mmCIF file of all heavy atoms, coordinates in Angstrom:
data_MODEL
# 
_entry.id   MODEL 
# 
loop_
_atom_site.group_PDB 
_atom_site.id 
_atom_site.type_symbol 
_atom_site.label_atom_id 
_atom_site.label_alt_id 
_atom_site.label_comp_id 
_atom_site.label_asym_id 
_atom_site.label_entity_id 
_atom_site.label_seq_id 
_atom_site.pdbx_PDB_ins_code 
_atom_site.Cartn_x 
_atom_site.Cartn_y 
_atom_site.Cartn_z 
_atom_site.occupancy 
_atom_site.B_iso_or_equiv 
_atom_site.pdbx_formal_charge 
_atom_site.auth_seq_id 
_atom_site.auth_comp_id 
_atom_site.auth_asym_id 
_atom_site.auth_atom_id 
_atom_site.pdbx_PDB_model_num 
ATOM 1   N N   . ASP A 1 1  ? 5.463   11.080  -2.965 1.00 0.00 ? 1  ASP A N   1 
ATOM 2   C CA  . ASP A 1 1  ? 4.474   10.714  -3.912 1.00 0.00 ? 1  ASP A CA  1 
ATOM 3   C C   . ASP A 1 1  ? 3.515   9.648   -3.273 1.00 0.00 ? 1  ASP A C   1 
ATOM 4   O O   . ASP A 1 1  ? 3.931   8.487   -3.241 1.00 0.00 ? 1  ASP A O   1 
ATOM 5   C CB  . ASP A 1 1  ? 5.194   10.110  -5.223 1.00 0.00 ? 1  ASP A CB  1 
ATOM 6   C CG  . ASP A 1 1  ? 4.077   9.814   -6.260 1.00 0.00 ? 1  ASP A CG  1 
ATOM 7   O OD1 . ASP A 1 1  ? 2.913   9.688   -6.008 1.00 0.00 ? 1  ASP A OD1 1 
ATOM 8   O OD2 . ASP A 1 1  ? 4.514   9.674   -7.480 1.00 0.00 ? 1  ASP A OD2 1 
ATOM 9   N N   . LEU A 1 2  ? 2.398   10.050  -2.755 1.00 0.00 ? 2  LEU A N   1 
ATOM 10  C CA  . LEU A 1 2  ? 1.557   9.166   -1.989 1.00 0.00 ? 2  LEU A CA  1 
ATOM 11  C C   . LEU A 1 2  ? 0.903   8.162   -2.845 1.00 0.00 ? 2  LEU A C   1 
ATOM 12  O O   . LEU A 1 2  ? 0.798   7.012   -2.386 1.00 0.00 ? 2  LEU A O   1 
ATOM 13  C CB  . LEU A 1 2  ? 0.442   9.934   -1.318 1.00 0.00 ? 2  LEU A CB  1 
ATOM 14  C CG  . LEU A 1 2  ? 0.876   11.059  -0.359 1.00 0.00 ? 2  LEU A CG  1 
ATOM 15  C CD1 . LEU A 1 2  ? -0.260  11.633  0.408  1.00 0.00 ? 2  LEU A CD1 1 
ATOM 16  C CD2 . LEU A 1 2  ? 1.948   10.574  0.624  1.00 0.00 ? 2  LEU A CD2 1 
ATOM 17  N N   . GLU A 1 3  ? 0.598   8.412   -4.166 1.00 0.00 ? 3  GLU A N   1 
ATOM 18  C CA  . GLU A 1 3  ? 0.097   7.540   -5.099 1.00 0.00 ? 3  GLU A CA  1 
ATOM 19  C C   . GLU A 1 3  ? 1.043   6.418   -5.327 1.00 0.00 ? 3  GLU A C   1 
ATOM 20  O O   . GLU A 1 3  ? 0.660   5.177   -5.367 1.00 0.00 ? 3  GLU A O   1 
ATOM 21  C CB  . GLU A 1 3  ? -0.503  8.123   -6.289 1.00 0.00 ? 3  GLU A CB  1 
ATOM 22  C CG  . GLU A 1 3  ? -1.639  9.068   -6.136 1.00 0.00 ? 3  GLU A CG  1 
ATOM 23  C CD  . GLU A 1 3  ? -2.135  9.607   -7.563 1.00 0.00 ? 3  GLU A CD  1 
ATOM 24  O OE1 . GLU A 1 3  ? -1.522  9.233   -8.535 1.00 0.00 ? 3  GLU A OE1 1 
ATOM 25  O OE2 . GLU A 1 3  ? -3.076  10.341  -7.546 1.00 0.00 ? 3  GLU A OE2 1 
ATOM 26  N N   . ARG A 1 4  ? 2.293   6.704   -5.457 1.00 0.00 ? 4  ARG A N   1 
ATOM 27  C CA  . ARG A 1 4  ? 3.310   5.676   -5.695 1.00 0.00 ? 4  ARG A CA  1 
ATOM 28  C C   . ARG A 1 4  ? 3.522   4.813   -4.582 1.00 0.00 ? 4  ARG A C   1 
ATOM 29  O O   . ARG A 1 4  ? 3.587   3.612   -4.656 1.00 0.00 ? 4  ARG A O   1 
ATOM 30  C CB  . ARG A 1 4  ? 4.628   6.376   -6.065 1.00 0.00 ? 4  ARG A CB  1 
ATOM 31  C CG  . ARG A 1 4  ? 5.848   5.279   -6.200 1.00 0.00 ? 4  ARG A CG  1 
ATOM 32  C CD  . ARG A 1 4  ? 7.116   5.955   -6.287 1.00 0.00 ? 4  ARG A CD  1 
ATOM 33  N NE  . ARG A 1 4  ? 7.395   6.911   -5.240 1.00 0.00 ? 4  ARG A NE  1 
ATOM 34  C CZ  . ARG A 1 4  ? 7.843   6.503   -3.912 1.00 0.00 ? 4  ARG A CZ  1 
ATOM 35  N NH1 . ARG A 1 4  ? 8.049   5.147   -3.704 1.00 0.00 ? 4  ARG A NH1 1 
ATOM 36  N NH2 . ARG A 1 4  ? 8.157   7.345   -3.043 1.00 0.00 ? 4  ARG A NH2 1 
ATOM 37  N N   . ILE A 1 5  ? 3.577   5.356   -3.273 1.00 0.00 ? 5  ILE A N   1 
ATOM 38  C CA  . ILE A 1 5  ? 3.718   4.634   -2.138 1.00 0.00 ? 5  ILE A CA  1 
ATOM 39  C C   . ILE A 1 5  ? 2.591   3.673   -1.970 1.00 0.00 ? 5  ILE A C   1 
ATOM 40  O O   . ILE A 1 5  ? 2.709   2.436   -1.639 1.00 0.00 ? 5  ILE A O   1 
ATOM 41  C CB  . ILE A 1 5  ? 3.839   5.452   -0.900 1.00 0.00 ? 5  ILE A CB  1 
ATOM 42  C CG1 . ILE A 1 5  ? 5.096   6.296   -0.899 1.00 0.00 ? 5  ILE A CG1 1 
ATOM 43  C CG2 . ILE A 1 5  ? 3.690   4.706   0.414  1.00 0.00 ? 5  ILE A CG2 1 
ATOM 44  C CD1 . ILE A 1 5  ? 5.280   7.334   0.146  1.00 0.00 ? 5  ILE A CD1 1 
ATOM 45  N N   . GLU A 1 6  ? 1.302   4.106   -2.139 1.00 0.00 ? 6  GLU A N   1 
ATOM 46  C CA  . GLU A 1 6  ? 0.115   3.251   -1.994 1.00 0.00 ? 6  GLU A CA  1 
ATOM 47  C C   . GLU A 1 6  ? 0.178   2.084   -3.033 1.00 0.00 ? 6  GLU A C   1 
ATOM 48  O O   . GLU A 1 6  ? -0.067  0.987   -2.706 1.00 0.00 ? 6  GLU A O   1 
ATOM 49  C CB  . GLU A 1 6  ? -1.174  3.965   -2.151 1.00 0.00 ? 6  GLU A CB  1 
ATOM 50  C CG  . GLU A 1 6  ? -2.345  3.223   -2.045 1.00 0.00 ? 6  GLU A CG  1 
ATOM 51  C CD  . GLU A 1 6  ? -3.701  4.108   -1.963 1.00 0.00 ? 6  GLU A CD  1 
ATOM 52  O OE1 . GLU A 1 6  ? -3.560  5.289   -1.948 1.00 0.00 ? 6  GLU A OE1 1 
ATOM 53  O OE2 . GLU A 1 6  ? -4.771  3.445   -1.975 1.00 0.00 ? 6  GLU A OE2 1 
ATOM 54  N N   . ARG A 1 7  ? 0.569   2.342   -4.248 1.00 0.00 ? 7  ARG A N   1 
ATOM 55  C CA  . ARG A 1 7  ? 0.707   1.378   -5.260 1.00 0.00 ? 7  ARG A CA  1 
ATOM 56  C C   . ARG A 1 7  ? 1.690   0.377   -4.877 1.00 0.00 ? 7  ARG A C   1 
ATOM 57  O O   . ARG A 1 7  ? 1.551   -0.868  -5.114 1.00 0.00 ? 7  ARG A O   1 
ATOM 58  C CB  . ARG A 1 7  ? 1.044   2.089   -6.634 1.00 0.00 ? 7  ARG A CB  1 
ATOM 59  C CG  . ARG A 1 7  ? 1.003   1.127   -7.815 1.00 0.00 ? 7  ARG A CG  1 
ATOM 60  C CD  . ARG A 1 7  ? 1.204   1.901   -9.096 1.00 0.00 ? 7  ARG A CD  1 
ATOM 61  N NE  . ARG A 1 7  ? 2.339   2.690   -9.239 1.00 0.00 ? 7  ARG A NE  1 
ATOM 62  C CZ  . ARG A 1 7  ? 2.382   3.986   -9.151 1.00 0.00 ? 7  ARG A CZ  1 
ATOM 63  N NH1 . ARG A 1 7  ? 1.195   4.691   -8.963 1.00 0.00 ? 7  ARG A NH1 1 
ATOM 64  N NH2 . ARG A 1 7  ? 3.513   4.730   -9.249 1.00 0.00 ? 7  ARG A NH2 1 
ATOM 65  N N   . GLU A 1 8  ? 2.886   0.824   -4.463 1.00 0.00 ? 8  GLU A N   1 
ATOM 66  C CA  . GLU A 1 8  ? 3.998   -0.160  -4.097 1.00 0.00 ? 8  GLU A CA  1 
ATOM 67  C C   . GLU A 1 8  ? 3.503   -1.019  -2.894 1.00 0.00 ? 8  GLU A C   1 
ATOM 68  O O   . GLU A 1 8  ? 3.856   -2.236  -2.938 1.00 0.00 ? 8  GLU A O   1 
ATOM 69  C CB  . GLU A 1 8  ? 5.245   0.621   -3.730 1.00 0.00 ? 8  GLU A CB  1 
ATOM 70  C CG  . GLU A 1 8  ? 5.947   1.179   -4.859 1.00 0.00 ? 8  GLU A CG  1 
ATOM 71  C CD  . GLU A 1 8  ? 7.328   1.701   -4.375 1.00 0.00 ? 8  GLU A CD  1 
ATOM 72  O OE1 . GLU A 1 8  ? 7.919   1.071   -3.659 1.00 0.00 ? 8  GLU A OE1 1 
ATOM 73  O OE2 . GLU A 1 8  ? 7.771   2.775   -5.017 1.00 0.00 ? 8  GLU A OE2 1 
ATOM 74  N N   . ILE A 1 9  ? 2.693   -0.533  -1.990 1.00 0.00 ? 9  ILE A N   1 
ATOM 75  C CA  . ILE A 1 9  ? 2.239   -1.356  -0.887 1.00 0.00 ? 9  ILE A CA  1 
ATOM 76  C C   . ILE A 1 9  ? 1.214   -2.354  -1.464 1.00 0.00 ? 9  ILE A C   1 
ATOM 77  O O   . ILE A 1 9  ? 1.436   -3.625  -1.183 1.00 0.00 ? 9  ILE A O   1 
ATOM 78  C CB  . ILE A 1 9  ? 1.597   -0.540  0.094  1.00 0.00 ? 9  ILE A CB  1 
ATOM 79  C CG1 . ILE A 1 9  ? 2.557   0.438   0.868  1.00 0.00 ? 9  ILE A CG1 1 
ATOM 80  C CG2 . ILE A 1 9  ? 0.767   -1.423  1.168  1.00 0.00 ? 9  ILE A CG2 1 
ATOM 81  C CD1 . ILE A 1 9  ? 2.040   1.428   1.767  1.00 0.00 ? 9  ILE A CD1 1 
ATOM 82  N N   . LYS A 1 10 ? 0.331   -1.991  -2.181 1.00 0.00 ? 10 LYS A N   1 
ATOM 83  C CA  . LYS A 1 10 ? -0.737  -2.844  -2.604 1.00 0.00 ? 10 LYS A CA  1 
ATOM 84  C C   . LYS A 1 10 ? -0.300  -3.935  -3.674 1.00 0.00 ? 10 LYS A C   1 
ATOM 85  O O   . LYS A 1 10 ? -1.005  -4.972  -3.736 1.00 0.00 ? 10 LYS A O   1 
ATOM 86  C CB  . LYS A 1 10 ? -1.945  -2.059  -3.209 1.00 0.00 ? 10 LYS A CB  1 
ATOM 87  C CG  . LYS A 1 10 ? -2.710  -1.262  -2.256 1.00 0.00 ? 10 LYS A CG  1 
ATOM 88  C CD  . LYS A 1 10 ? -3.923  -0.514  -2.811 1.00 0.00 ? 10 LYS A CD  1 
ATOM 89  C CE  . LYS A 1 10 ? -4.732  0.138   -1.855 1.00 0.00 ? 10 LYS A CE  1 
ATOM 90  N NZ  . LYS A 1 10 ? -5.900  0.810   -2.425 1.00 0.00 ? 10 LYS A NZ  1 
ATOM 91  N N   . THR A 1 11 ? 0.836   -3.696  -4.245 1.00 0.00 ? 11 THR A N   1 
ATOM 92  C CA  . THR A 1 11 ? 1.280   -4.674  -5.265 1.00 0.00 ? 11 THR A CA  1 
ATOM 93  C C   . THR A 1 11 ? 2.531   -5.470  -4.764 1.00 0.00 ? 11 THR A C   1 
ATOM 94  O O   . THR A 1 11 ? 3.091   -6.289  -5.492 1.00 0.00 ? 11 THR A O   1 
ATOM 95  C CB  . THR A 1 11 ? 1.667   -3.842  -6.566 1.00 0.00 ? 11 THR A CB  1 
ATOM 96  O OG1 . THR A 1 11 ? 2.735   -3.034  -6.343 1.00 0.00 ? 11 THR A OG1 1 
ATOM 97  C CG2 . THR A 1 11 ? 0.529   -3.270  -7.216 1.00 0.00 ? 11 THR A CG2 1 
ATOM 98  N N   . MET A 1 12 ? 2.875   -5.298  -3.453 1.00 0.00 ? 12 MET A N   1 
ATOM 99  C CA  . MET A 1 12 ? 4.096   -5.974  -2.890 1.00 0.00 ? 12 MET A CA  1 
ATOM 100 C C   . MET A 1 12 ? 3.787   -7.464  -2.831 1.00 0.00 ? 12 MET A C   1 
ATOM 101 O O   . MET A 1 12 ? 2.888   -7.878  -2.060 1.00 0.00 ? 12 MET A O   1 
ATOM 102 C CB  . MET A 1 12 ? 4.387   -5.482  -1.500 1.00 0.00 ? 12 MET A CB  1 
ATOM 103 C CG  . MET A 1 12 ? 5.723   -5.822  -1.087 1.00 0.00 ? 12 MET A CG  1 
ATOM 104 S SD  . MET A 1 12 ? 6.105   -5.301  0.610  1.00 0.00 ? 12 MET A SD  1 
ATOM 105 C CE  . MET A 1 12 ? 6.112   -3.486  0.314  1.00 0.00 ? 12 MET A CE  1 
ATOM 106 N N   . PRO A 1 13 ? 4.586   -8.320  -3.535 1.00 0.00 ? 13 PRO A N   1 
ATOM 107 C CA  . PRO A 1 13 ? 4.305   -9.733  -3.474 1.00 0.00 ? 13 PRO A CA  1 
ATOM 108 C C   . PRO A 1 13 ? 4.635   -10.325 -2.138 1.00 0.00 ? 13 PRO A C   1 
ATOM 109 O O   . PRO A 1 13 ? 5.563   -9.825  -1.390 1.00 0.00 ? 13 PRO A O   1 
ATOM 110 C CB  . PRO A 1 13 ? 5.236   -10.305 -4.549 1.00 0.00 ? 13 PRO A CB  1 
ATOM 111 C CG  . PRO A 1 13 ? 6.354   -9.239  -4.788 1.00 0.00 ? 13 PRO A CG  1 
ATOM 112 C CD  . PRO A 1 13 ? 5.579   -7.972  -4.454 1.00 0.00 ? 13 PRO A CD  1 
ATOM 113 N N   . ASN A 1 14 ? 4.000   -11.404 -1.730 1.00 0.00 ? 14 ASN A N   1 
ATOM 114 C CA  . ASN A 1 14 ? 4.212   -12.083 -0.435 1.00 0.00 ? 14 ASN A CA  1 
ATOM 115 C C   . ASN A 1 14 ? 3.669   -11.314 0.771  1.00 0.00 ? 14 ASN A C   1 
ATOM 116 O O   . ASN A 1 14 ? 3.634   -11.869 1.841  1.00 0.00 ? 14 ASN A O   1 
ATOM 117 C CB  . ASN A 1 14 ? 5.622   -12.479 -0.253 1.00 0.00 ? 14 ASN A CB  1 
ATOM 118 C CG  . ASN A 1 14 ? 6.168   -13.355 -1.272 1.00 0.00 ? 14 ASN A CG  1 
ATOM 119 O OD1 . ASN A 1 14 ? 5.600   -14.300 -1.720 1.00 0.00 ? 14 ASN A OD1 1 
ATOM 120 N ND2 . ASN A 1 14 ? 7.410   -13.062 -1.746 1.00 0.00 ? 14 ASN A ND2 1 
ATOM 121 N N   . TYR A 1 15 ? 3.305   -10.007 0.536  1.00 0.00 ? 15 TYR A N   1 
ATOM 122 C CA  . TYR A 1 15 ? 2.815   -9.203  1.770  1.00 0.00 ? 15 TYR A CA  1 
ATOM 123 C C   . TYR A 1 15 ? 1.414   -8.758  1.499  1.00 0.00 ? 15 TYR A C   1 
ATOM 124 O O   . TYR A 1 15 ? 0.588   -8.905  2.345  1.00 0.00 ? 15 TYR A O   1 
ATOM 125 C CB  . TYR A 1 15 ? 3.866   -8.127  1.899  1.00 0.00 ? 15 TYR A CB  1 
ATOM 126 C CG  . TYR A 1 15 ? 5.148   -8.436  2.518  1.00 0.00 ? 15 TYR A CG  1 
ATOM 127 C CD1 . TYR A 1 15 ? 6.185   -8.854  1.759  1.00 0.00 ? 15 TYR A CD1 1 
ATOM 128 C CD2 . TYR A 1 15 ? 5.285   -8.511  3.869  1.00 0.00 ? 15 TYR A CD2 1 
ATOM 129 C CE1 . TYR A 1 15 ? 7.352   -9.266  2.362  1.00 0.00 ? 15 TYR A CE1 1 
ATOM 130 C CE2 . TYR A 1 15 ? 6.467   -8.869  4.518  1.00 0.00 ? 15 TYR A CE2 1 
ATOM 131 C CZ  . TYR A 1 15 ? 7.600   -9.271  3.691  1.00 0.00 ? 15 TYR A CZ  1 
ATOM 132 O OH  . TYR A 1 15 ? 8.721   -9.672  4.269  1.00 0.00 ? 15 TYR A OH  1 
ATOM 133 N N   . PHE A 1 16 ? 1.177   -7.938  0.388  1.00 0.00 ? 16 PHE A N   1 
ATOM 134 C CA  . PHE A 1 16 ? -0.104  -7.313  0.186  1.00 0.00 ? 16 PHE A CA  1 
ATOM 135 C C   . PHE A 1 16 ? -0.820  -7.632  -1.093 1.00 0.00 ? 16 PHE A C   1 
ATOM 136 O O   . PHE A 1 16 ? -2.111  -7.431  -1.218 1.00 0.00 ? 16 PHE A O   1 
ATOM 137 C CB  . PHE A 1 16 ? 0.055   -5.851  0.318  1.00 0.00 ? 16 PHE A CB  1 
ATOM 138 C CG  . PHE A 1 16 ? 0.690   -5.296  1.532  1.00 0.00 ? 16 PHE A CG  1 
ATOM 139 C CD1 . PHE A 1 16 ? 2.025   -5.101  1.724  1.00 0.00 ? 16 PHE A CD1 1 
ATOM 140 C CD2 . PHE A 1 16 ? -0.104  -5.353  2.735  1.00 0.00 ? 16 PHE A CD2 1 
ATOM 141 C CE1 . PHE A 1 16 ? 2.531   -4.631  2.914  1.00 0.00 ? 16 PHE A CE1 1 
ATOM 142 C CE2 . PHE A 1 16 ? 0.351   -4.844  3.940  1.00 0.00 ? 16 PHE A CE2 1 
ATOM 143 C CZ  . PHE A 1 16 ? 1.753   -4.543  4.050  1.00 0.00 ? 16 PHE A CZ  1 
ATOM 144 N N   . SER A 1 17 ? -0.168  -8.210  -2.134 1.00 0.00 ? 17 SER A N   1 
ATOM 145 C CA  . SER A 1 17 ? -0.832  -8.296  -3.428 1.00 0.00 ? 17 SER A CA  1 
ATOM 146 C C   . SER A 1 17 ? -2.056  -9.200  -3.445 1.00 0.00 ? 17 SER A C   1 
ATOM 147 O O   . SER A 1 17 ? -2.867  -9.088  -4.352 1.00 0.00 ? 17 SER A O   1 
ATOM 148 C CB  . SER A 1 17 ? 0.236   -8.762  -4.432 1.00 0.00 ? 17 SER A CB  1 
ATOM 149 O OG  . SER A 1 17 ? 0.798   -9.983  -4.085 1.00 0.00 ? 17 SER A OG  1 
ATOM 150 N N   . ASP A 1 18 ? -2.074  -10.263 -2.469 1.00 0.00 ? 18 ASP A N   1 
ATOM 151 C CA  . ASP A 1 18 ? -3.100  -11.132 -2.489 1.00 0.00 ? 18 ASP A CA  1 
ATOM 152 C C   . ASP A 1 18 ? -4.288  -10.804 -1.606 1.00 0.00 ? 18 ASP A C   1 
ATOM 153 O O   . ASP A 1 18 ? -5.137  -11.582 -1.418 1.00 0.00 ? 18 ASP A O   1 
ATOM 154 C CB  . ASP A 1 18 ? -2.607  -12.571 -2.155 1.00 0.00 ? 18 ASP A CB  1 
ATOM 155 C CG  . ASP A 1 18 ? -1.610  -13.102 -3.064 1.00 0.00 ? 18 ASP A CG  1 
ATOM 156 O OD1 . ASP A 1 18 ? -1.809  -12.865 -4.316 1.00 0.00 ? 18 ASP A OD1 1 
ATOM 157 O OD2 . ASP A 1 18 ? -0.733  -13.872 -2.743 1.00 0.00 ? 18 ASP A OD2 1 
ATOM 158 N N   . TYR A 1 19 ? -4.229  -9.573  -0.972 1.00 0.00 ? 19 TYR A N   1 
ATOM 159 C CA  . TYR A 1 19 ? -5.248  -9.158  -0.051 1.00 0.00 ? 19 TYR A CA  1 
ATOM 160 C C   . TYR A 1 19 ? -5.910  -7.907  -0.498 1.00 0.00 ? 19 TYR A C   1 
ATOM 161 O O   . TYR A 1 19 ? -5.363  -7.061  -1.141 1.00 0.00 ? 19 TYR A O   1 
ATOM 162 C CB  . TYR A 1 19 ? -4.563  -8.981  1.353  1.00 0.00 ? 19 TYR A CB  1 
ATOM 163 C CG  . TYR A 1 19 ? -3.834  -10.190 1.953  1.00 0.00 ? 19 TYR A CG  1 
ATOM 164 C CD1 . TYR A 1 19 ? -2.547  -10.483 1.550  1.00 0.00 ? 19 TYR A CD1 1 
ATOM 165 C CD2 . TYR A 1 19 ? -4.565  -10.968 2.841  1.00 0.00 ? 19 TYR A CD2 1 
ATOM 166 C CE1 . TYR A 1 19 ? -1.952  -11.580 2.090  1.00 0.00 ? 19 TYR A CE1 1 
ATOM 167 C CE2 . TYR A 1 19 ? -3.895  -12.073 3.371  1.00 0.00 ? 19 TYR A CE2 1 
ATOM 168 C CZ  . TYR A 1 19 ? -2.573  -12.319 2.982  1.00 0.00 ? 19 TYR A CZ  1 
ATOM 169 O OH  . TYR A 1 19 ? -1.970  -13.432 3.511  1.00 0.00 ? 19 TYR A OH  1 
ATOM 170 N N   . ASP A 1 20 ? -7.180  -7.685  0.064  1.00 0.00 ? 20 ASP A N   1 
ATOM 171 C CA  . ASP A 1 20 ? -7.821  -6.329  -0.045 1.00 0.00 ? 20 ASP A CA  1 
ATOM 172 C C   . ASP A 1 20 ? -7.079  -5.487  1.036  1.00 0.00 ? 20 ASP A C   1 
ATOM 173 O O   . ASP A 1 20 ? -7.218  -5.764  2.197  1.00 0.00 ? 20 ASP A O   1 
ATOM 174 C CB  . ASP A 1 20 ? -9.315  -6.493  0.260  1.00 0.00 ? 20 ASP A CB  1 
ATOM 175 C CG  . ASP A 1 20 ? -10.124 -7.185  -0.844 1.00 0.00 ? 20 ASP A CG  1 
ATOM 176 O OD1 . ASP A 1 20 ? -9.690  -7.119  -1.975 1.00 0.00 ? 20 ASP A OD1 1 
ATOM 177 O OD2 . ASP A 1 20 ? -11.181 -7.805  -0.581 1.00 0.00 ? 20 ASP A OD2 1 
ATOM 178 N N   . THR A 1 21 ? -6.491  -4.481  0.557  1.00 0.00 ? 21 THR A N   1 
ATOM 179 C CA  . THR A 1 21 ? -5.577  -3.574  1.397  1.00 0.00 ? 21 THR A CA  1 
ATOM 180 C C   . THR A 1 21 ? -6.066  -2.208  1.270  1.00 0.00 ? 21 THR A C   1 
ATOM 181 O O   . THR A 1 21 ? -6.250  -1.771  0.232  1.00 0.00 ? 21 THR A O   1 
ATOM 182 C CB  . THR A 1 21 ? -4.029  -3.729  0.968  1.00 0.00 ? 21 THR A CB  1 
ATOM 183 O OG1 . THR A 1 21 ? -3.684  -5.069  1.095  1.00 0.00 ? 21 THR A OG1 1 
ATOM 184 C CG2 . THR A 1 21 ? -3.273  -2.958  1.848  1.00 0.00 ? 21 THR A CG2 1 
ATOM 185 N N   . THR A 1 22 ? -6.138  -1.590  2.481  1.00 0.00 ? 22 THR A N   1 
ATOM 186 C CA  . THR A 1 22 ? -6.442  -0.170  2.568  1.00 0.00 ? 22 THR A CA  1 
ATOM 187 C C   . THR A 1 22 ? -5.243  0.625   3.081  1.00 0.00 ? 22 THR A C   1 
ATOM 188 O O   . THR A 1 22 ? -4.583  0.048   4.021  1.00 0.00 ? 22 THR A O   1 
ATOM 189 C CB  . THR A 1 22 ? -7.644  0.130   3.467  1.00 0.00 ? 22 THR A CB  1 
ATOM 190 O OG1 . THR A 1 22 ? -7.481  -0.329  4.780  1.00 0.00 ? 22 THR A OG1 1 
ATOM 191 C CG2 . THR A 1 22 ? -8.920  -0.490  2.861  1.00 0.00 ? 22 THR A CG2 1 
ATOM 192 N N   . VAL A 1 23 ? -4.927  1.681   2.480  1.00 0.00 ? 23 VAL A N   1 
ATOM 193 C CA  . VAL A 1 23 ? -3.728  2.541   2.949  1.00 0.00 ? 23 VAL A CA  1 
ATOM 194 C C   . VAL A 1 23 ? -4.269  3.821   3.387  1.00 0.00 ? 23 VAL A C   1 
ATOM 195 O O   . VAL A 1 23 ? -4.936  4.625   2.512  1.00 0.00 ? 23 VAL A O   1 
ATOM 196 C CB  . VAL A 1 23 ? -2.686  2.577   1.749  1.00 0.00 ? 23 VAL A CB  1 
ATOM 197 C CG1 . VAL A 1 23 ? -1.548  3.597   2.192  1.00 0.00 ? 23 VAL A CG1 1 
ATOM 198 C CG2 . VAL A 1 23 ? -2.233  1.263   1.332  1.00 0.00 ? 23 VAL A CG2 1 
ATOM 199 N N   . THR A 1 24 ? -4.024  4.252   4.589  1.00 0.00 ? 24 THR A N   1 
ATOM 200 C CA  . THR A 1 24 ? -4.359  5.513   5.132  1.00 0.00 ? 24 THR A CA  1 
ATOM 201 C C   . THR A 1 24 ? -3.183  6.253   5.604  1.00 0.00 ? 24 THR A C   1 
ATOM 202 O O   . THR A 1 24 ? -2.260  5.800   6.319  1.00 0.00 ? 24 THR A O   1 
ATOM 203 C CB  . THR A 1 24 ? -5.301  5.345   6.320  1.00 0.00 ? 24 THR A CB  1 
ATOM 204 O OG1 . THR A 1 24 ? -6.424  4.612   5.942  1.00 0.00 ? 24 THR A OG1 1 
ATOM 205 C CG2 . THR A 1 24 ? -5.825  6.790   6.862  1.00 0.00 ? 24 THR A CG2 1 
ATOM 206 N N   . PHE A 1 25 ? -3.055  7.485   5.054  1.00 0.00 ? 25 PHE A N   1 
ATOM 207 C CA  . PHE A 1 25 ? -1.776  8.348   5.350  1.00 0.00 ? 25 PHE A CA  1 
ATOM 208 C C   . PHE A 1 25 ? -2.175  9.175   6.477  1.00 0.00 ? 25 PHE A C   1 
ATOM 209 O O   . PHE A 1 25 ? -3.237  9.930   6.614  1.00 0.00 ? 25 PHE A O   1 
ATOM 210 C CB  . PHE A 1 25 ? -1.347  9.153   4.167  1.00 0.00 ? 25 PHE A CB  1 
ATOM 211 C CG  . PHE A 1 25 ? -0.779  8.365   3.048  1.00 0.00 ? 25 PHE A CG  1 
ATOM 212 C CD1 . PHE A 1 25 ? -1.527  7.904   1.939  1.00 0.00 ? 25 PHE A CD1 1 
ATOM 213 C CD2 . PHE A 1 25 ? 0.553   7.929   3.019  1.00 0.00 ? 25 PHE A CD2 1 
ATOM 214 C CE1 . PHE A 1 25 ? -0.927  7.111   0.977  1.00 0.00 ? 25 PHE A CE1 1 
ATOM 215 C CE2 . PHE A 1 25 ? 1.097   7.156   2.149  1.00 0.00 ? 25 PHE A CE2 1 
ATOM 216 C CZ  . PHE A 1 25 ? 0.214   6.774   1.065  1.00 0.00 ? 25 PHE A CZ  1 
ATOM 217 N N   . ILE A 1 26 ? -1.311  9.175   7.527  1.00 0.00 ? 26 ILE A N   1 
ATOM 218 C CA  . ILE A 1 26 ? -1.567  9.910   8.737  1.00 0.00 ? 26 ILE A CA  1 
ATOM 219 C C   . ILE A 1 26 ? -0.239  10.653  9.214  1.00 0.00 ? 26 ILE A C   1 
ATOM 220 O O   . ILE A 1 26 ? 0.843   10.368  8.636  1.00 0.00 ? 26 ILE A O   1 
ATOM 221 C CB  . ILE A 1 26 ? -2.044  9.040   9.986  1.00 0.00 ? 26 ILE A CB  1 
ATOM 222 C CG1 . ILE A 1 26 ? -0.976  7.966   10.283 1.00 0.00 ? 26 ILE A CG1 1 
ATOM 223 C CG2 . ILE A 1 26 ? -3.440  8.338   9.565  1.00 0.00 ? 26 ILE A CG2 1 
ATOM 224 C CD1 . ILE A 1 26 ? -1.404  7.010   11.400 1.00 0.00 ? 26 ILE A CD1 1 
ATOM 225 N N   . SER A 1 27 ? -0.408  11.489  10.192 1.00 0.00 ? 27 SER A N   1 
ATOM 226 C CA  . SER A 1 27 ? 0.780   12.246  10.702 1.00 0.00 ? 27 SER A CA  1 
ATOM 227 C C   . SER A 1 27 ? 1.597   11.325  11.674 1.00 0.00 ? 27 SER A C   1 
ATOM 228 O O   . SER A 1 27 ? 1.038   10.399  12.216 1.00 0.00 ? 27 SER A O   1 
ATOM 229 C CB  . SER A 1 27 ? 0.351   13.482  11.293 1.00 0.00 ? 27 SER A CB  1 
ATOM 230 O OG  . SER A 1 27 ? -0.398  13.287  12.569 1.00 0.00 ? 27 SER A OG  1 
ATOM 231 N N   . GLU A 1 28 ? 2.815   11.844  11.934 1.00 0.00 ? 28 GLU A N   1 
ATOM 232 C CA  . GLU A 1 28 ? 3.588   11.084  12.960 1.00 0.00 ? 28 GLU A CA  1 
ATOM 233 C C   . GLU A 1 28 ? 2.962   11.118  14.233 1.00 0.00 ? 28 GLU A C   1 
ATOM 234 O O   . GLU A 1 28 ? 2.981   10.201  15.135 1.00 0.00 ? 28 GLU A O   1 
ATOM 235 C CB  . GLU A 1 28 ? 4.997   11.642  12.902 1.00 0.00 ? 28 GLU A CB  1 
ATOM 236 C CG  . GLU A 1 28 ? 6.062   10.670  13.446 1.00 0.00 ? 28 GLU A CG  1 
ATOM 237 C CD  . GLU A 1 28 ? 7.478   11.099  13.012 1.00 0.00 ? 28 GLU A CD  1 
ATOM 238 O OE1 . GLU A 1 28 ? 7.600   12.147  12.442 1.00 0.00 ? 28 GLU A OE1 1 
ATOM 239 O OE2 . GLU A 1 28 ? 8.426   10.334  13.440 1.00 0.00 ? 28 GLU A OE2 1 
# 
C-alpha cells in the first residue's frame, strides 16, 4: 500500500513530521 507507506513516512515523529518531505517510489 504505497499511500500508507508515504503517510507513515511523512507523519513519523522526530524524523519527518516537521519537514517538507517528498516520497518517490522507485525500483530496486
